[in-house]
Amino acid sequence: MAKILIVDDSPTELHVLGKILHHAGHETLTANDGESGIAMAKAQKPDVVLMDVVMPGLNGFQATRKLSRDPETQQIPVLMVTTKDQDTDREWGLRQGAKGYLVKPVDGHELIDKINELLG
C-alpha cells in the first residue's frame, strides 16, 4: 500500500482517482492546487504524486518543476494526469521532472500499472 497525493482542482477528478486508488489498496491525500500540493508533499512525503496541469495559481507544470528541483521532494515521482493531450504538453511535463504522463479520462488499470512501475 502506497501513500499517493492527488493534486487536482476538480472535486470530481479527486473522487474518481481516489476511488481507483482506494480500490487498489492505496492511501490517498488530496490538494486542490499546485501551492497546497507542494506544501502537502513536503509535509506528508507521499510515495507518488498525481498532478493535474490546469489549475488556478501555480499550474501543474510549475508545481512539478518545484517538486522535482527541491532536495526535500525530488525523490517523489510525479505522474501528470491531465486533459492536455498534445505531444508538446507531454514533452514539457517530462522536461519539468514528471516521471510519467497520462491523459484524462484515465483507465484505472493503466493508472495502477503506471503507479506500480513508479513504485518499482
PDB file of N, CA and C in Angstrom:
ATOM      1  N   MET A   1       0.845  -1.191   0.000  1.00  0.00           N
ATOM      2  CA  MET A   1       0.000   0.000   0.000  1.00  0.00           C
ATOM      3  C   MET A   1       0.883   1.244   0.000  1.00  0.00           C
ATOM      4  N   ALA A   2       0.618   2.130  -0.951  1.00  0.00           N
ATOM      5  CA  ALA A   2       1.393   3.363  -1.062  1.00  0.00           C
ATOM      6  C   ALA A   2       0.543   4.555  -0.645  1.00  0.00           C
ATOM      7  N   LYS A   3       1.225   5.619  -0.260  1.00  0.00           N
ATOM      8  CA  LYS A   3       0.555   6.882   0.058  1.00  0.00           C
ATOM      9  C   LYS A   3       0.678   7.752  -1.194  1.00  0.00           C
ATOM     10  N   ILE A   4      -0.466   8.116  -1.777  1.00  0.00           N
ATOM     11  CA  ILE A   4      -0.475   8.840  -3.042  1.00  0.00           C
ATOM     12  C   ILE A   4      -1.193  10.173  -2.884  1.00  0.00           C
ATOM     13  N   LEU A   5      -0.515  11.237  -3.294  1.00  0.00           N
ATOM     14  CA  LEU A   5      -1.073  12.584  -3.248  1.00  0.00           C
ATOM     15  C   LEU A   5      -1.677  12.913  -4.605  1.00  0.00           C
ATOM     16  N   ILE A   6      -2.970  13.267  -4.608  1.00  0.00           N
ATOM     17  CA  ILE A   6      -3.660  13.688  -5.832  1.00  0.00           C
ATOM     18  C   ILE A   6      -3.789  15.211  -5.781  1.00  0.00           C
ATOM     19  N   VAL A   7      -3.212  15.895  -6.771  1.00  0.00           N
ATOM     20  CA  VAL A   7      -3.295  17.351  -6.846  1.00  0.00           C
ATOM     21  C   VAL A   7      -4.162  17.694  -8.050  1.00  0.00           C
ATOM     22  N   ASP A   8      -5.391  18.144  -7.788  1.00  0.00           N
ATOM     23  CA  ASP A   8      -6.344  18.442  -8.861  1.00  0.00           C
ATOM     24  C   ASP A   8      -7.397  19.401  -8.309  1.00  0.00           C
ATOM     25  N   ASP A   9      -7.810  20.385  -9.115  1.00  0.00           N
ATOM     26  CA  ASP A   9      -8.806  21.351  -8.655  1.00  0.00           C
ATOM     27  C   ASP A   9     -10.237  20.887  -8.885  1.00  0.00           C
ATOM     28  N   SER A  10     -10.413  19.718  -9.496  1.00  0.00           N
ATOM     29  CA  SER A  10     -11.754  19.196  -9.764  1.00  0.00           C
ATOM     30  C   SER A  10     -12.180  18.196  -8.688  1.00  0.00           C
ATOM     31  N   PRO A  11     -13.241  18.517  -7.927  1.00  0.00           N
ATOM     32  CA  PRO A  11     -13.735  17.564  -6.925  1.00  0.00           C
ATOM     33  C   PRO A  11     -14.099  16.213  -7.545  1.00  0.00           C
ATOM     34  N   THR A  12     -14.621  16.242  -8.783  1.00  0.00           N
ATOM     35  CA  THR A  12     -14.987  15.002  -9.467  1.00  0.00           C
ATOM     36  C   THR A  12     -13.751  14.146  -9.730  1.00  0.00           C
ATOM     37  N   GLU A  13     -12.693  14.771 -10.248  1.00  0.00           N
ATOM     38  CA  GLU A  13     -11.450  14.028 -10.516  1.00  0.00           C
ATOM     39  C   GLU A  13     -10.838  13.487  -9.226  1.00  0.00           C
ATOM     40  N   LEU A  14     -10.863  14.300  -8.163  1.00  0.00           N
ATOM     41  CA  LEU A  14     -10.339  13.832  -6.873  1.00  0.00           C
ATOM     42  C   LEU A  14     -11.090  12.581  -6.427  1.00  0.00           C
ATOM     43  N   HIS A  15     -12.407  12.597  -6.605  1.00  0.00           N
ATOM     44  CA  HIS A  15     -13.244  11.459  -6.213  1.00  0.00           C
ATOM     45  C   HIS A  15     -12.946  10.227  -7.075  1.00  0.00           C
ATOM     46  N   VAL A  16     -12.928  10.425  -8.401  1.00  0.00           N
ATOM     47  CA  VAL A  16     -12.716   9.307  -9.328  1.00  0.00           C
ATOM     48  C   VAL A  16     -11.339   8.677  -9.118  1.00  0.00           C
ATOM     49  N   LEU A  17     -10.293   9.505  -9.073  1.00  0.00           N
ATOM     50  CA  LEU A  17      -8.941   8.981  -8.881  1.00  0.00           C
ATOM     51  C   LEU A  17      -8.807   8.334  -7.498  1.00  0.00           C
ATOM     52  N   GLY A  18      -9.388   8.972  -6.478  1.00  0.00           N
ATOM     53  CA  GLY A  18      -9.348   8.419  -5.122  1.00  0.00           C
ATOM     54  C   GLY A  18      -9.991   7.050  -5.047  1.00  0.00           C
ATOM     55  N   LYS A  19     -11.107   6.905  -5.735  1.00  0.00           N
ATOM     56  CA  LYS A  19     -11.827   5.625  -5.745  1.00  0.00           C
ATOM     57  C   LYS A  19     -10.981   4.519  -6.394  1.00  0.00           C
ATOM     58  N   ILE A  20     -10.349   4.838  -7.516  1.00  0.00           N
ATOM     59  CA  ILE A  20      -9.482   3.870  -8.204  1.00  0.00           C
ATOM     60  C   ILE A  20      -8.345   3.446  -7.273  1.00  0.00           C
ATOM     61  N   LEU A  21      -7.728   4.432  -6.634  1.00  0.00           N
ATOM     62  CA  LEU A  21      -6.576   4.147  -5.769  1.00  0.00           C
ATOM     63  C   LEU A  21      -6.970   3.376  -4.516  1.00  0.00           C
ATOM     64  N   HIS A  22      -8.092   3.749  -3.889  1.00  0.00           N
ATOM     65  CA  HIS A  22      -8.565   3.015  -2.700  1.00  0.00           C
ATOM     66  C   HIS A  22      -8.882   1.576  -3.053  1.00  0.00           C
ATOM     67  N   HIS A  23      -9.507   1.384  -4.214  1.00  0.00           N
ATOM     68  CA  HIS A  23      -9.863   0.036  -4.663  1.00  0.00           C
ATOM     69  C   HIS A  23      -8.605  -0.822  -4.829  1.00  0.00           C
ATOM     70  N   ALA A  24      -7.499  -0.179  -5.210  1.00  0.00           N
ATOM     71  CA  ALA A  24      -6.225  -0.900  -5.390  1.00  0.00           C
ATOM     72  C   ALA A  24      -5.451  -1.008  -4.080  1.00  0.00           C
ATOM     73  N   GLY A  25      -6.040  -0.496  -2.979  1.00  0.00           N
ATOM     74  CA  GLY A  25      -5.416  -0.639  -1.676  1.00  0.00           C
ATOM     75  C   GLY A  25      -4.476   0.476  -1.262  1.00  0.00           C
ATOM     76  N   HIS A  26      -4.517   1.597  -1.982  1.00  0.00           N
ATOM     77  CA  HIS A  26      -3.629   2.708  -1.646  1.00  0.00           C
ATOM     78  C   HIS A  26      -4.312   3.727  -0.740  1.00  0.00           C
ATOM     79  N   GLU A  27      -3.486   4.444   0.012  1.00  0.00           N
ATOM     80  CA  GLU A  27      -3.952   5.553   0.852  1.00  0.00           C
ATOM     81  C   GLU A  27      -3.835   6.823   0.006  1.00  0.00           C
ATOM     82  N   THR A  28      -4.805   7.730   0.120  1.00  0.00           N
ATOM     83  CA  THR A  28      -4.732   8.956  -0.678  1.00  0.00           C
ATOM     84  C   THR A  28      -4.746  10.207   0.182  1.00  0.00           C
ATOM     85  N   LEU A  29      -4.072  11.215  -0.340  1.00  0.00           N
ATOM     86  CA  LEU A  29      -4.095  12.572   0.195  1.00  0.00           C
ATOM     87  C   LEU A  29      -4.529  13.440  -0.974  1.00  0.00           C
ATOM     88  N   THR A  30      -5.155  14.587  -0.687  1.00  0.00           N
ATOM     89  CA  THR A  30      -5.568  15.446  -1.792  1.00  0.00           C
ATOM     90  C   THR A  30      -5.175  16.895  -1.546  1.00  0.00           C
ATOM     91  N   ALA A  31      -4.964  17.594  -2.661  1.00  0.00           N
ATOM     92  CA  ALA A  31      -4.715  19.035  -2.638  1.00  0.00           C
ATOM     93  C   ALA A  31      -5.428  19.629  -3.851  1.00  0.00           C
ATOM     94  N   ASN A  32      -5.962  20.850  -3.695  1.00  0.00           N
ATOM     95  CA  ASN A  32      -6.776  21.463  -4.748  1.00  0.00           C
ATOM     96  C   ASN A  32      -6.013  22.372  -5.692  1.00  0.00           C
ATOM     97  N   ASP A  33      -4.735  22.606  -5.441  1.00  0.00           N
ATOM     98  CA  ASP A  33      -3.950  23.466  -6.333  1.00  0.00           C
ATOM     99  C   ASP A  33      -2.465  23.177  -6.157  1.00  0.00           C
ATOM    100  N   GLY A  34      -1.657  23.746  -7.035  1.00  0.00           N
ATOM    101  CA  GLY A  34      -0.228  23.483  -7.019  1.00  0.00           C
ATOM    102  C   GLY A  34       0.462  23.880  -5.728  1.00  0.00           C
ATOM    103  N   GLU A  35       0.105  25.053  -5.196  1.00  0.00           N
ATOM    104  CA  GLU A  35       0.736  25.543  -3.959  1.00  0.00           C
ATOM    105  C   GLU A  35       0.491  24.571  -2.798  1.00  0.00           C
ATOM    106  N   SER A  36      -0.764  24.194  -2.587  1.00  0.00           N
ATOM    107  CA  SER A  36      -1.063  23.297  -1.471  1.00  0.00           C
ATOM    108  C   SER A  36      -0.533  21.894  -1.754  1.00  0.00           C
ATOM    109  N   GLY A  37      -0.421  21.520  -3.035  1.00  0.00           N
ATOM    110  CA  GLY A  37       0.167  20.237  -3.397  1.00  0.00           C
ATOM    111  C   GLY A  37       1.632  20.159  -2.986  1.00  0.00           C
ATOM    112  N   ILE A  38       2.361  21.237  -3.227  1.00  0.00           N
ATOM    113  CA  ILE A  38       3.772  21.284  -2.840  1.00  0.00           C
ATOM    114  C   ILE A  38       3.892  21.214  -1.313  1.00  0.00           C
ATOM    115  N   ALA A  39       3.075  22.001  -0.612  1.00  0.00           N
ATOM    116  CA  ALA A  39       3.100  22.006   0.858  1.00  0.00           C
ATOM    117  C   ALA A  39       2.773  20.618   1.408  1.00  0.00           C
ATOM    118  N   MET A  40       1.775  19.965   0.827  1.00  0.00           N
ATOM    119  CA  MET A  40       1.373  18.632   1.275  1.00  0.00           C
ATOM    120  C   MET A  40       2.479  17.612   1.001  1.00  0.00           C
ATOM    121  N   ALA A  41       3.122  17.711  -0.161  1.00  0.00           N
ATOM    122  CA  ALA A  41       4.212  16.790  -0.498  1.00  0.00           C
ATOM    123  C   ALA A  41       5.362  16.935   0.493  1.00  0.00           C
ATOM    124  N   LYS A  42       5.675  18.162   0.872  1.00  0.00           N
ATOM    125  CA  LYS A  42       6.764  18.391   1.827  1.00  0.00           C
ATOM    126  C   LYS A  42       6.399  17.862   3.211  1.00  0.00           C
ATOM    127  N   ALA A  43       5.150  18.058   3.616  1.00  0.00           N
ATOM    128  CA  ALA A  43       4.717  17.659   4.953  1.00  0.00           C
ATOM    129  C   ALA A  43       4.493  16.148   5.074  1.00  0.00           C
ATOM    130  N   GLN A  44       3.903  15.544   4.045  1.00  0.00           N
ATOM    131  CA  GLN A  44       3.474  14.139   4.135  1.00  0.00           C
ATOM    132  C   GLN A  44       4.402  13.134   3.451  1.00  0.00           C
ATOM    133  N   LYS A  45       5.294  13.604   2.589  1.00  0.00           N
ATOM    134  CA  LYS A  45       6.225  12.733   1.856  1.00  0.00           C
ATOM    135  C   LYS A  45       5.516  11.518   1.224  1.00  0.00           C
ATOM    136  N   PRO A  46       4.587  11.787   0.294  1.00  0.00           N
ATOM    137  CA  PRO A  46       3.882  10.669  -0.352  1.00  0.00           C
ATOM    138  C   PRO A  46       4.839   9.837  -1.205  1.00  0.00           C
ATOM    139  N   ASP A  47       4.410   8.638  -1.563  1.00  0.00           N
ATOM    140  CA  ASP A  47       5.218   7.752  -2.401  1.00  0.00           C
ATOM    141  C   ASP A  47       5.155   8.169  -3.874  1.00  0.00           C
ATOM    142  N   VAL A  48       4.012   8.743  -4.279  1.00  0.00           N
ATOM    143  CA  VAL A  48       3.791   9.202  -5.656  1.00  0.00           C
ATOM    144  C   VAL A  48       2.874  10.418  -5.595  1.00  0.00           C
ATOM    145  N   VAL A  49       3.049  11.355  -6.550  1.00  0.00           N
ATOM    146  CA  VAL A  49       2.137  12.493  -6.692  1.00  0.00           C
ATOM    147  C   VAL A  49       1.470  12.392  -8.058  1.00  0.00           C
ATOM    148  N   LEU A  50       0.131  12.464  -8.080  1.00  0.00           N
ATOM    149  CA  LEU A  50      -0.622  12.571  -9.335  1.00  0.00           C
ATOM    150  C   LEU A  50      -0.929  14.046  -9.517  1.00  0.00           C
ATOM    151  N   MET A  51      -0.466  14.637 -10.608  1.00  0.00           N
ATOM    152  CA  MET A  51      -0.536  16.092 -10.787  1.00  0.00           C
ATOM    153  C   MET A  51      -1.350  16.477 -12.015  1.00  0.00           C
ATOM    154  N   ASP A  52      -2.419  17.245 -11.780  1.00  0.00           N
ATOM    155  CA  ASP A  52      -3.176  17.846 -12.876  1.00  0.00           C
ATOM    156  C   ASP A  52      -2.325  18.990 -13.424  1.00  0.00           C
ATOM    157  N   VAL A  53      -2.636  19.483 -14.610  1.00  0.00           N
ATOM    158  CA  VAL A  53      -1.894  20.619 -15.168  1.00  0.00           C
ATOM    159  C   VAL A  53      -2.671  21.910 -15.004  1.00  0.00           C
ATOM    160  N   VAL A  54      -3.921  21.926 -15.464  1.00  0.00           N
ATOM    161  CA  VAL A  54      -4.698  23.166 -15.482  1.00  0.00           C
ATOM    162  C   VAL A  54      -5.357  23.397 -14.128  1.00  0.00           C
ATOM    163  N   MET A  55      -4.749  24.311 -13.344  1.00  0.00           N
ATOM    164  CA  MET A  55      -5.279  24.653 -12.014  1.00  0.00           C
ATOM    165  C   MET A  55      -5.053  26.141 -11.787  1.00  0.00           C
ATOM    166  N   PRO A  56      -5.869  26.751 -10.922  1.00  0.00           N
ATOM    167  CA  PRO A  56      -5.660  28.169 -10.614  1.00  0.00           C
ATOM    168  C   PRO A  56      -4.344  28.376  -9.864  1.00  0.00           C
ATOM    169  N   GLY A  57      -3.760  29.544 -10.011  1.00  0.00           N
ATOM    170  CA  GLY A  57      -2.498  29.831  -9.328  1.00  0.00           C
ATOM    171  C   GLY A  57      -1.366  29.077  -9.988  1.00  0.00           C
ATOM    172  N   LEU A  58      -0.634  28.340  -9.201  1.00  0.00           N
ATOM    173  CA  LEU A  58       0.503  27.551  -9.689  1.00  0.00           C
ATOM    174  C   LEU A  58      -0.022  26.360 -10.490  1.00  0.00           C
ATOM    175  N   ASN A  59       0.302  26.297 -11.788  1.00  0.00           N
ATOM    176  CA  ASN A  59      -0.202  25.166 -12.578  1.00  0.00           C
ATOM    177  C   ASN A  59       0.640  23.908 -12.325  1.00  0.00           C
ATOM    178  N   GLY A  60       0.200  22.802 -12.879  1.00  0.00           N
ATOM    179  CA  GLY A  60       0.862  21.523 -12.631  1.00  0.00           C
ATOM    180  C   GLY A  60       2.287  21.449 -13.153  1.00  0.00           C
ATOM    181  N   PHE A  61       2.562  22.119 -14.279  1.00  0.00           N
ATOM    182  CA  PHE A  61       3.926  22.142 -14.802  1.00  0.00           C
ATOM    183  C   PHE A  61       4.854  22.857 -13.816  1.00  0.00           C
ATOM    184  N   GLN A  62       4.399  24.009 -13.315  1.00  0.00           N
ATOM    185  CA  GLN A  62       5.202  24.789 -12.367  1.00  0.00           C
ATOM    186  C   GLN A  62       5.401  24.011 -11.061  1.00  0.00           C
ATOM    187  N   ALA A  63       4.330  23.405 -10.558  1.00  0.00           N
ATOM    188  CA  ALA A  63       4.409  22.654  -9.300  1.00  0.00           C
ATOM    189  C   ALA A  63       5.339  21.443  -9.448  1.00  0.00           C
ATOM    190  N   THR A  64       5.248  20.759 -10.594  1.00  0.00           N
ATOM    191  CA  THR A  64       6.118  19.608 -10.846  1.00  0.00           C
ATOM    192  C   THR A  64       7.583  20.043 -10.878  1.00  0.00           C
ATOM    193  N   ARG A  65       7.848  21.157 -11.539  1.00  0.00           N
ATOM    194  CA  ARG A  65       9.218  21.673 -11.606  1.00  0.00           C
ATOM    195  C   ARG A  65       9.753  21.967 -10.211  1.00  0.00           C
ATOM    196  N   LYS A  66       8.913  22.603  -9.371  1.00  0.00           N
ATOM    197  CA  LYS A  66       9.338  22.922  -7.999  1.00  0.00           C
ATOM    198  C   LYS A  66       9.616  21.642  -7.192  1.00  0.00           C
ATOM    199  N   LEU A  67       8.727  20.665  -7.298  1.00  0.00           N
ATOM    200  CA  LEU A  67       8.912  19.405  -6.559  1.00  0.00           C
ATOM    201  C   LEU A  67      10.166  18.665  -7.028  1.00  0.00           C
ATOM    202  N   SER A  68      10.374  18.623  -8.339  1.00  0.00           N
ATOM    203  CA  SER A  68      11.494  17.838  -8.866  1.00  0.00           C
ATOM    204  C   SER A  68      12.845  18.513  -8.642  1.00  0.00           C
ATOM    205  N   ARG A  69      12.847  19.806  -8.351  1.00  0.00           N
ATOM    206  CA  ARG A  69      14.114  20.513  -8.134  1.00  0.00           C
ATOM    207  C   ARG A  69      14.420  20.780  -6.667  1.00  0.00           C
ATOM    208  N   ASP A  70      13.462  20.481  -5.790  1.00  0.00           N
ATOM    209  CA  ASP A  70      13.657  20.708  -4.359  1.00  0.00           C
ATOM    210  C   ASP A  70      14.257  19.439  -3.738  1.00  0.00           C
ATOM    211  N   PRO A  71      15.428  19.551  -3.092  1.00  0.00           N
ATOM    212  CA  PRO A  71      16.058  18.368  -2.489  1.00  0.00           C
ATOM    213  C   PRO A  71      15.141  17.633  -1.503  1.00  0.00           C
ATOM    214  N   GLU A  72      14.202  18.368  -0.921  1.00  0.00           N
ATOM    215  CA  GLU A  72      13.282  17.781   0.057  1.00  0.00           C
ATOM    216  C   GLU A  72      12.250  16.853  -0.604  1.00  0.00           C
ATOM    217  N   THR A  73      11.939  17.099  -1.885  1.00  0.00           N
ATOM    218  CA  THR A  73      10.868  16.346  -2.558  1.00  0.00           C
ATOM    219  C   THR A  73      11.293  15.710  -3.884  1.00  0.00           C
ATOM    220  N   GLN A  74      12.507  15.910  -4.319  1.00  0.00           N
ATOM    221  CA  GLN A  74      12.892  15.453  -5.656  1.00  0.00           C
ATOM    222  C   GLN A  74      12.861  13.933  -5.837  1.00  0.00           C
ATOM    223  N   GLN A  75      12.883  13.179  -4.727  1.00  0.00           N
ATOM    224  CA  GLN A  75      12.826  11.714  -4.842  1.00  0.00           C
ATOM    225  C   GLN A  75      11.403  11.199  -5.021  1.00  0.00           C
ATOM    226  N   ILE A  76      10.396  12.071  -4.882  1.00  0.00           N
ATOM    227  CA  ILE A  76       8.991  11.658  -5.034  1.00  0.00           C
ATOM    228  C   ILE A  76       8.617  11.711  -6.518  1.00  0.00           C
ATOM    229  N   PRO A  77       8.273  10.568  -7.130  1.00  0.00           N
ATOM    230  CA  PRO A  77       7.901  10.602  -8.546  1.00  0.00           C
ATOM    231  C   PRO A  77       6.561  11.314  -8.761  1.00  0.00           C
ATOM    232  N   VAL A  78       6.522  12.157  -9.802  1.00  0.00           N
ATOM    233  CA  VAL A  78       5.299  12.872 -10.171  1.00  0.00           C
ATOM    234  C   VAL A  78       4.766  12.269 -11.468  1.00  0.00           C
ATOM    235  N   LEU A  79       3.488  11.917 -11.454  1.00  0.00           N
ATOM    236  CA  LEU A  79       2.799  11.413 -12.634  1.00  0.00           C
ATOM    237  C   LEU A  79       1.775  12.464 -13.037  1.00  0.00           C
ATOM    238  N   MET A  80       1.944  13.065 -14.211  1.00  0.00           N
ATOM    239  CA  MET A  80       0.983  14.055 -14.682  1.00  0.00           C
ATOM    240  C   MET A  80      -0.285  13.308 -15.119  1.00  0.00           C
ATOM    241  N   VAL A  81      -1.441  13.799 -14.667  1.00  0.00           N
ATOM    242  CA  VAL A  81      -2.736  13.233 -15.051  1.00  0.00           C
ATOM    243  C   VAL A  81      -3.589  14.422 -15.471  1.00  0.00           C
ATOM    244  N   THR A  82      -3.762  14.601 -16.789  1.00  0.00           N
ATOM    245  CA  THR A  82      -4.312  15.842 -17.305  1.00  0.00           C
ATOM    246  C   THR A  82      -5.141  15.642 -18.566  1.00  0.00           C
ATOM    247  N   THR A  83      -5.931  16.652 -18.910  1.00  0.00           N
ATOM    248  CA  THR A  83      -6.681  16.633 -20.166  1.00  0.00           C
ATOM    249  C   THR A  83      -5.819  17.130 -21.324  1.00  0.00           C
ATOM    250  N   LYS A  84      -4.672  17.720 -21.029  1.00  0.00           N
ATOM    251  CA  LYS A  84      -3.792  18.252 -22.077  1.00  0.00           C
ATOM    252  C   LYS A  84      -3.107  17.083 -22.786  1.00  0.00           C
ATOM    253  N   ASP A  85      -3.548  16.825 -24.040  1.00  0.00           N
ATOM    254  CA  ASP A  85      -3.119  15.603 -24.713  1.00  0.00           C
ATOM    255  C   ASP A  85      -2.194  15.818 -25.913  1.00  0.00           C
ATOM    256  N   GLN A  86      -1.625  17.003 -26.050  1.00  0.00           N
ATOM    257  CA  GLN A  86      -0.698  17.253 -27.155  1.00  0.00           C
ATOM    258  C   GLN A  86       0.685  16.691 -26.819  1.00  0.00           C
ATOM    259  N   ASP A  87       1.404  16.273 -27.852  1.00  0.00           N
ATOM    260  CA  ASP A  87       2.763  15.764 -27.647  1.00  0.00           C
ATOM    261  C   ASP A  87       3.646  16.817 -26.975  1.00  0.00           C
ATOM    262  N   THR A  88       3.436  18.083 -27.337  1.00  0.00           N
ATOM    263  CA  THR A  88       4.252  19.156 -26.745  1.00  0.00           C
ATOM    264  C   THR A  88       3.975  19.275 -25.243  1.00  0.00           C
ATOM    265  N   ASP A  89       2.722  19.079 -24.822  1.00  0.00           N
ATOM    266  CA  ASP A  89       2.376  19.113 -23.395  1.00  0.00           C
ATOM    267  C   ASP A  89       3.076  17.963 -22.669  1.00  0.00           C
ATOM    268  N   ARG A  90       3.023  16.785 -23.248  1.00  0.00           N
ATOM    269  CA  ARG A  90       3.655  15.602 -22.660  1.00  0.00           C
ATOM    270  C   ARG A  90       5.165  15.840 -22.520  1.00  0.00           C
ATOM    271  N   GLU A  91       5.771  16.313 -23.593  1.00  0.00           N
ATOM    272  CA  GLU A  91       7.214  16.572 -23.583  1.00  0.00           C
ATOM    273  C   GLU A  91       7.579  17.614 -22.516  1.00  0.00           C
ATOM    274  N   TRP A  92       6.774  18.684 -22.445  1.00  0.00           N
ATOM    275  CA  TRP A  92       7.037  19.742 -21.472  1.00  0.00           C
ATOM    276  C   TRP A  92       6.895  19.210 -20.044  1.00  0.00           C
ATOM    277  N   GLY A  93       5.881  18.405 -19.797  1.00  0.00           N
ATOM    278  CA  GLY A  93       5.681  17.823 -18.467  1.00  0.00           C
ATOM    279  C   GLY A  93       6.864  16.976 -18.049  1.00  0.00           C
ATOM    280  N   LEU A  94       7.364  16.163 -18.970  1.00  0.00           N
ATOM    281  CA  LEU A  94       8.506  15.305 -18.666  1.00  0.00           C
ATOM    282  C   LEU A  94       9.768  16.145 -18.452  1.00  0.00           C
ATOM    283  N   ARG A  95       9.888  17.236 -19.190  1.00  0.00           N
ATOM    284  CA  ARG A  95      11.053  18.120 -19.022  1.00  0.00           C
ATOM    285  C   ARG A  95      11.015  18.867 -17.688  1.00  0.00           C
ATOM    286  N   GLN A  96       9.826  18.993 -17.106  1.00  0.00           N
ATOM    287  CA  GLN A  96       9.706  19.645 -15.798  1.00  0.00           C
ATOM    288  C   GLN A  96      10.058  18.686 -14.658  1.00  0.00           C
ATOM    289  N   GLY A  97      10.205  17.405 -14.995  1.00  0.00           N
ATOM    290  CA  GLY A  97      10.586  16.433 -13.975  1.00  0.00           C
ATOM    291  C   GLY A  97       9.573  15.326 -13.752  1.00  0.00           C
ATOM    292  N   ALA A  98       8.443  15.351 -14.464  1.00  0.00           N
ATOM    293  CA  ALA A  98       7.452  14.277 -14.308  1.00  0.00           C
ATOM    294  C   ALA A  98       8.051  12.953 -14.771  1.00  0.00           C
ATOM    295  N   LYS A  99       7.674  11.875 -14.108  1.00  0.00           N
ATOM    296  CA  LYS A  99       8.169  10.533 -14.452  1.00  0.00           C
ATOM    297  C   LYS A  99       7.197   9.776 -15.346  1.00  0.00           C
ATOM    298  N   GLY A 100       6.025  10.384 -15.594  1.00  0.00           N
ATOM    299  CA  GLY A 100       5.035   9.766 -16.460  1.00  0.00           C
ATOM    300  C   GLY A 100       3.951  10.770 -16.784  1.00  0.00           C
ATOM    301  N   TYR A 101       3.121  10.443 -17.788  1.00  0.00           N
ATOM    302  CA  TYR A 101       2.104  11.382 -18.266  1.00  0.00           C
ATOM    303  C   TYR A 101       0.913  10.578 -18.766  1.00  0.00           C
ATOM    304  N   LEU A 102      -0.243  10.752 -18.125  1.00  0.00           N
ATOM    305  CA  LEU A 102      -1.469  10.083 -18.557  1.00  0.00           C
ATOM    306  C   LEU A 102      -2.513  11.142 -18.892  1.00  0.00           C
ATOM    307  N   VAL A 103      -3.332  10.850 -19.905  1.00  0.00           N
ATOM    308  CA  VAL A 103      -4.372  11.782 -20.329  1.00  0.00           C
ATOM    309  C   VAL A 103      -5.726  11.328 -19.778  1.00  0.00           C
ATOM    310  N   LYS A 104      -6.478  12.302 -19.222  1.00  0.00           N
ATOM    311  CA  LYS A 104      -7.831  12.034 -18.705  1.00  0.00           C
ATOM    312  C   LYS A 104      -8.784  11.871 -19.882  1.00  0.00           C
ATOM    313  N   PRO A 105      -9.835  11.085 -19.726  1.00  0.00           N
ATOM    314  CA  PRO A 105     -10.099  10.244 -18.560  1.00  0.00           C
ATOM    315  C   PRO A 105      -9.146   9.050 -18.542  1.00  0.00           C
ATOM    316  N   VAL A 106      -8.578   8.781 -17.373  1.00  0.00           N
ATOM    317  CA  VAL A 106      -7.594   7.697 -17.279  1.00  0.00           C
ATOM    318  C   VAL A 106      -8.283   6.352 -17.132  1.00  0.00           C
ATOM    319  N   ASP A 107      -7.641   5.352 -17.686  1.00  0.00           N
ATOM    320  CA  ASP A 107      -8.064   3.979 -17.499  1.00  0.00           C
ATOM    321  C   ASP A 107      -7.505   3.525 -16.148  1.00  0.00           C
ATOM    322  N   GLY A 108      -8.347   2.999 -15.290  1.00  0.00           N
ATOM    323  CA  GLY A 108      -7.939   2.608 -13.949  1.00  0.00           C
ATOM    324  C   GLY A 108      -6.777   1.631 -13.927  1.00  0.00           C
ATOM    325  N   HIS A 109      -6.823   0.642 -14.821  1.00  0.00           N
ATOM    326  CA  HIS A 109      -5.746  -0.357 -14.874  1.00  0.00           C
ATOM    327  C   HIS A 109      -4.431   0.281 -15.306  1.00  0.00           C
ATOM    328  N   GLU A 110      -4.509   1.174 -16.289  1.00  0.00           N
ATOM    329  CA  GLU A 110      -3.308   1.851 -16.774  1.00  0.00           C
ATOM    330  C   GLU A 110      -2.709   2.723 -15.663  1.00  0.00           C
ATOM    331  N   LEU A 111      -3.584   3.396 -14.902  1.00  0.00           N
ATOM    332  CA  LEU A 111      -3.125   4.241 -13.800  1.00  0.00           C
ATOM    333  C   LEU A 111      -2.400   3.398 -12.745  1.00  0.00           C
ATOM    334  N   ILE A 112      -3.007   2.307 -12.333  1.00  0.00           N
ATOM    335  CA  ILE A 112      -2.399   1.442 -11.306  1.00  0.00           C
ATOM    336  C   ILE A 112      -1.097   0.833 -11.826  1.00  0.00           C
ATOM    337  N   ASP A 113      -1.083   0.415 -13.095  1.00  0.00           N
ATOM    338  CA  ASP A 113       0.149  -0.136 -13.680  1.00  0.00           C
ATOM    339  C   ASP A 113       1.273   0.895 -13.647  1.00  0.00           C
ATOM    340  N   LYS A 114       0.949   2.130 -14.005  1.00  0.00           N
ATOM    341  CA  LYS A 114       1.965   3.196 -14.034  1.00  0.00           C
ATOM    342  C   LYS A 114       2.463   3.491 -12.618  1.00  0.00           C
ATOM    343  N   ILE A 115       1.545   3.540 -11.658  1.00  0.00           N
ATOM    344  CA  ILE A 115       1.940   3.786 -10.256  1.00  0.00           C
ATOM    345  C   ILE A 115       2.849   2.653  -9.766  1.00  0.00           C
ATOM    346  N   ASN A 116       2.470   1.415 -10.063  1.00  0.00           N
ATOM    347  CA  ASN A 116       3.291   0.275  -9.644  1.00  0.00           C
ATOM    348  C   ASN A 116       4.685   0.340 -10.272  1.00  0.00           C
ATOM    349  N   GLU A 117       4.733   0.786 -11.519  1.00  0.00           N
ATOM    350  CA  GLU A 117       6.013   0.938 -12.204  1.00  0.00           C
ATOM    351  C   GLU A 117       6.871   1.996 -11.495  1.00  0.00           C
ATOM    352  N   LEU A 118       6.233   3.106 -11.096  1.00  0.00           N
ATOM    353  CA  LEU A 118       6.961   4.187 -10.399  1.00  0.00           C
ATOM    354  C   LEU A 118       7.417   3.751  -9.003  1.00  0.00           C
ATOM    355  N   LEU A 119       6.615   2.920  -8.356  1.00  0.00           N
ATOM    356  CA  LEU A 119       6.968   2.440  -7.020  1.00  0.00           C
ATOM    357  C   LEU A 119       8.072   1.384  -7.100  1.00  0.00           C
ATOM    358  N   GLY A 120       8.122   0.695  -8.275  1.00  0.00           N
ATOM    359  CA  GLY A 120       9.039  -0.339  -8.646  1.00  0.00           C
ATOM    360  C   GLY A 120       9.991  -0.797  -7.665  1.00  0.00           C
TER     361      GLY A 120
END
